[in-house]
Protein backbone atom coordinates (compact mmCIF):
# COMPACT_ATOMS: atom_id res chain seq x y z
CA UNK A 1 -29.62 -8.94 13.75
CA UNK A 2 -31.46 -11.48 15.98
CA UNK A 3 -34.85 -12.29 14.76
CA UNK A 4 -37.77 -10.83 16.62
CA UNK A 5 -40.86 -12.71 17.11
CA UNK A 6 -44.10 -11.54 15.74
CA UNK A 7 -47.13 -10.88 17.85
CA UNK A 8 -50.02 -13.70 18.07
CA UNK A 9 -51.54 -14.45 14.63
CA UNK A 10 -49.60 -11.31 13.37
CA UNK A 11 -49.12 -11.61 9.52
CA UNK A 12 -45.42 -11.29 8.26
CA UNK A 13 -43.92 -10.59 4.93
CA UNK A 14 -40.57 -11.48 3.93
CA UNK A 15 -38.84 -9.50 1.18
CA UNK A 16 -35.61 -9.49 -0.64
CA UNK A 17 -33.78 -6.38 -2.03
CA UNK A 18 -30.87 -6.18 -4.45
CA UNK A 19 -28.35 -3.84 -5.70
CA UNK A 20 -25.35 -3.62 -7.98
CA UNK A 21 -22.85 -1.27 -9.47
CA UNK A 22 -20.11 -1.40 -11.94
CA UNK A 23 -17.12 0.39 -10.26
CA UNK A 24 -13.93 1.26 -11.98
CA UNK A 25 -10.85 -0.63 -10.41
CA UNK A 26 -8.38 1.48 -8.61
CA UNK A 27 -5.69 -1.15 -8.61
CA UNK A 28 -3.72 -3.16 -11.06
CA UNK A 29 -1.40 -5.88 -10.82
CA UNK A 30 0.93 -7.95 -13.33
CA UNK A 31 3.02 -11.15 -12.62
CA UNK A 32 6.54 -11.32 -13.95
CA UNK A 33 8.20 -14.64 -14.56
CA UNK A 34 11.61 -15.72 -15.62
CA UNK A 35 12.00 -19.17 -16.82
CA UNK A 36 15.43 -20.57 -17.76
CA UNK A 37 15.98 -24.06 -19.07
CA UNK A 38 19.44 -25.72 -19.96
CA UNK A 39 20.80 -29.26 -19.63
CA UNK A 40 23.60 -27.75 -17.15
CA UNK A 41 22.29 -26.67 -13.98
CA UNK A 42 24.78 -23.91 -13.42
CA UNK A 43 23.85 -22.55 -16.90
CA UNK A 44 20.38 -22.42 -16.02
CA UNK A 45 20.67 -20.55 -12.84
CA UNK A 46 23.02 -18.09 -14.45
CA UNK A 47 20.40 -17.56 -17.18
CA UNK A 48 17.79 -17.07 -14.51
CA UNK A 49 19.95 -14.61 -12.50
CA UNK A 50 20.38 -12.54 -15.87
CA UNK A 51 16.76 -12.44 -16.36
CA UNK A 52 15.89 -11.53 -12.69
CA UNK A 53 18.65 -8.61 -12.80
CA UNK A 54 16.96 -7.24 -15.99
CA UNK A 55 13.59 -7.45 -14.26
CA UNK A 56 15.08 -5.70 -11.03
CA UNK A 57 16.52 -2.83 -13.07
CA UNK A 58 13.51 -2.08 -14.64
CA UNK A 59 11.75 -2.01 -11.67
CA UNK A 60 14.33 0.00 -10.11
CA UNK A 61 13.66 3.00 -12.15
CA UNK A 62 9.89 3.12 -10.90
CA UNK A 63 9.10 4.20 -7.24
CA UNK A 64 5.39 3.75 -6.97
CA UNK A 65 4.93 0.22 -7.46
CA UNK A 66 4.52 -2.57 -4.92
CA UNK A 67 6.50 -5.67 -5.46
CA UNK A 68 5.50 -8.71 -3.45
CA UNK A 69 5.27 -12.59 -3.65
CA UNK A 70 8.87 -13.43 -4.65
CA UNK A 71 9.08 -16.93 -5.50
CA UNK A 72 12.11 -19.38 -6.62
CA UNK A 73 11.47 -22.75 -8.24
CA UNK A 74 13.89 -25.54 -9.74
CA UNK A 75 12.86 -28.51 -11.45
CA UNK A 76 14.04 -31.39 -13.96
CA UNK A 77 12.49 -31.19 -17.35
CA UNK A 78 11.32 -34.49 -18.73
CA UNK A 79 12.92 -33.37 -22.16
CA UNK A 80 16.57 -34.35 -22.13
CA UNK A 81 17.01 -33.85 -18.25
CA UNK A 82 17.33 -30.36 -18.52
CA UNK A 83 17.24 -28.21 -15.26
CA UNK A 84 14.53 -25.65 -15.29
CA UNK A 85 14.91 -22.55 -13.13
CA UNK A 86 12.25 -20.03 -12.51
CA UNK A 87 11.50 -16.81 -10.79
CA UNK A 88 8.34 -14.66 -10.32
CA UNK A 89 7.15 -11.71 -8.55
CA UNK A 90 3.97 -9.69 -8.50
CA UNK A 91 3.86 -6.04 -9.20
CA UNK A 92 0.93 -3.76 -7.85
CA UNK A 93 0.08 -0.43 -8.53
CA UNK A 94 -2.83 2.11 -7.96
CA UNK A 95 -4.87 3.09 -11.33
CA UNK A 96 -3.00 6.30 -11.14
CA UNK A 97 0.24 4.57 -11.54
CA UNK A 98 -0.66 2.63 -14.66
CA UNK A 99 1.85 4.59 -16.53
CA UNK A 100 4.66 2.81 -14.40
CA UNK A 101 3.07 -0.63 -15.07
CA UNK A 102 2.89 0.34 -18.96
CA UNK A 103 6.52 1.00 -18.69
CA UNK A 104 7.35 -2.20 -16.95
CA UNK A 105 5.34 -4.01 -19.80
CA UNK A 106 6.81 -2.20 -22.68
CA UNK A 107 10.23 -2.92 -21.34
CA UNK A 108 10.15 -6.68 -20.50
CA UNK A 109 7.37 -8.01 -22.98
CA UNK A 110 9.92 -9.21 -25.50
CA UNK A 111 12.95 -10.08 -23.45
CA UNK A 112 13.98 -13.73 -23.62
CA UNK A 113 13.13 -15.82 -20.70
CA UNK A 114 10.75 -13.25 -19.12
CA UNK A 115 7.08 -13.59 -19.17
CA UNK A 116 4.41 -10.89 -18.34
CA UNK A 117 1.01 -11.89 -17.07
CA UNK A 118 -1.93 -9.63 -16.76
CA UNK A 119 -3.10 -6.68 -16.04
CA UNK A 120 -5.30 -8.04 -13.39
CA UNK A 121 -7.64 -5.12 -12.34
CA UNK A 122 -8.94 -5.25 -8.72
CA UNK A 123 -10.51 -2.96 -6.05
CA UNK A 124 -8.90 -1.90 -3.19
CA UNK A 125 -10.28 -3.13 0.10
CA UNK A 126 -11.08 0.42 1.15
CA UNK A 127 -13.00 1.13 -2.17
CA UNK A 128 -14.52 -2.22 -2.06
CA UNK A 129 -15.83 -1.65 1.63
CA UNK A 130 -17.21 1.81 0.78
CA UNK A 131 -18.95 0.64 -2.25
CA UNK A 132 -20.57 -2.31 -0.30
CA UNK A 133 -21.93 -0.13 2.36
CA UNK A 134 -23.82 2.19 -0.24
CA UNK A 135 -25.14 -0.91 -2.09
CA UNK A 136 -26.47 -2.48 1.14
CA UNK A 137 -28.28 0.73 2.02
CA UNK A 138 -29.74 0.70 -1.49
CA UNK A 139 -30.80 -2.94 -1.30
CA UNK A 140 -32.36 -2.35 2.08
CA UNK A 141 -34.45 0.64 0.67
CA UNK A 142 -35.63 -1.95 -2.09
CA UNK A 143 -36.53 -4.62 0.52
CA UNK A 144 -38.55 -1.97 2.23
CA UNK A 145 -40.20 -0.67 -0.78
CA UNK A 146 -41.06 -4.36 -1.93
CA UNK A 147 -42.59 -4.96 1.52
CA UNK A 148 -44.76 -1.69 1.31
CA UNK A 149 -46.18 -2.90 -2.31
CA UNK A 150 -47.21 -6.15 -0.90
CA UNK A 151 -48.74 -4.93 2.29
CA UNK A 152 -50.47 -2.29 0.31
CA UNK A 153 -51.76 -4.91 -2.16
CA UNK A 154 -53.16 -7.01 0.72
CA UNK A 155 -55.02 -3.83 2.35
CA UNK A 156 -52.32 -3.25 5.10
CA UNK A 157 -49.23 -1.42 6.07
CA UNK A 158 -45.66 -2.28 6.83
CA UNK A 159 -45.07 -2.82 10.46
CA UNK A 160 -42.27 -3.74 12.77
CA UNK A 161 -38.86 -5.00 11.36
CA UNK A 162 -38.52 -8.45 12.59
CA UNK A 163 -35.41 -9.75 10.91
CA UNK A 164 -32.67 -8.54 8.34
CA UNK A 165 -29.74 -10.06 7.06
CA UNK A 166 -27.15 -9.66 4.13
CA UNK A 167 -25.32 -11.80 1.77
CA UNK A 168 -22.13 -10.42 0.07
CA UNK A 169 -22.27 -11.72 -3.50
CA UNK A 170 -19.09 -10.27 -4.36
CA UNK A 171 -17.08 -11.99 -1.86
CA UNK A 172 -13.98 -10.84 -0.05
CA UNK A 173 -11.22 -9.61 -1.84
CA UNK A 174 -7.71 -8.62 -0.05
CA UNK A 175 -4.40 -7.84 -1.08
CA UNK A 176 -1.55 -8.38 1.15
CA UNK A 177 0.65 -5.50 2.33
CA UNK A 178 3.97 -7.39 1.90
CA UNK A 179 7.09 -5.07 2.06
CA UNK A 180 9.47 -5.08 -0.81
CA UNK A 181 12.57 -4.03 1.18
CA UNK A 182 15.66 -5.53 -0.09
CA UNK A 183 14.01 -6.83 -3.36
CA UNK A 184 15.08 -4.03 -5.63
CA UNK A 185 18.74 -3.15 -6.24
CA UNK A 186 20.20 0.22 -5.60
CA UNK A 187 22.07 2.03 -8.59
CA UNK A 188 21.48 3.62 -11.80
CA UNK A 189 19.25 2.32 -14.43
CA UNK A 190 21.78 1.37 -16.79
CA UNK A 191 20.77 0.17 -20.40
CA UNK A 192 17.21 -0.82 -20.01
CA UNK A 193 15.43 -3.28 -22.81
CA UNK A 194 13.70 -1.32 -25.54
CA UNK A 195 10.06 -0.62 -25.30
CA UNK A 196 8.27 -3.11 -27.58
CA UNK A 197 4.75 -3.42 -26.75
CA UNK A 198 2.58 -0.28 -25.74
CA UNK A 199 -0.90 -0.95 -23.70
CA UNK A 200 -3.40 1.61 -22.85
CA UNK A 201 -4.31 -0.29 -19.33
CA UNK A 202 -7.50 1.39 -19.05
CA UNK A 203 -9.13 0.26 -15.72
CA UNK A 204 -11.68 -2.36 -16.04
CA UNK A 205 -15.23 -1.98 -14.74
CA UNK A 206 -15.85 -4.29 -11.86
CA UNK A 207 -19.37 -5.46 -10.82
CA UNK A 208 -20.50 -5.59 -7.25
CA UNK A 209 -23.56 -6.64 -5.74
CA UNK A 210 -25.31 -6.68 -2.28
CA UNK A 211 -28.50 -8.50 -1.37
CA UNK A 212 -30.73 -8.06 1.85
CA UNK A 213 -33.40 -10.20 3.22
CA UNK A 214 -36.07 -8.77 5.67
CA UNK A 215 -39.20 -9.78 7.35
CA UNK A 216 -41.67 -7.40 8.54
CA UNK A 217 -45.12 -7.51 10.32
CA UNK A 218 -48.11 -6.49 8.28
CA UNK A 219 -50.62 -4.26 10.21
CA UNK A 220 -54.38 -4.31 9.25
CA UNK A 221 -56.68 -1.69 10.32
CA UNK A 222 -59.56 -2.78 12.63
C-alpha cells in the first residue's frame, strides 16, 4: 500500500509480524530417464527406443498421471568414442494418485538403462495461494499485536495504519500444464516389467512462511 504521512511530530512505530505452517504436499513428481551407450550409434539409438517403449508401456496402463517435459539427447562418450543416447520425461500426480506413482517406480526401478529420480513433493499453486493468504492474515494480526504491546508500554495506543508490506519467504512455485497428447501409446499393456521396489510415498510436509512489516501512528492522551 502507498505510505501515508504521519501528522506533525506524530510518533510512529514500525513492527514486523511473521507466520509459518507445515503443509502436507498435494502434488508429487518423478523424473524417468533412459540412457543407452554403445560404440555403434544405431545400436545406442535402438537400445534407447527399447527403453522408451518400456516406459511408455507402463505409463500407458495408468490414467491419472500427467506426463510432460519430454527431452531427447545424443552425445559422444569420451570412453572409446561410444554414442550416448538418452531420453527423459517428468510424471506428476496428485497426492491421491500416489498409488499410480508407486506402480511406475515399482515396475521401472530395476529395468536396465532406465533411471527413476524422485519423488519430488510439491504444493499445487491453488493450495500454496490459499495457505499464503491465511499466513498473511496471521502475520498481519501478529504485527498489530506487536504494535499494541509497544504503544501500551510507552503509555499510548495504536493509531492510524501508515504503511504495510509483505514479503513472500516461500518464493513462487509453478508447474507447467503441458499436455501429454501423443506421448503415450494406445493398445494393451502387454508384458509389464516385474515389481521390484515398493515405496510408501507418504506426502512430505512443506514449510510455508509469510512476513508483514507495518507502520502505525502512536496516539498519546493529552
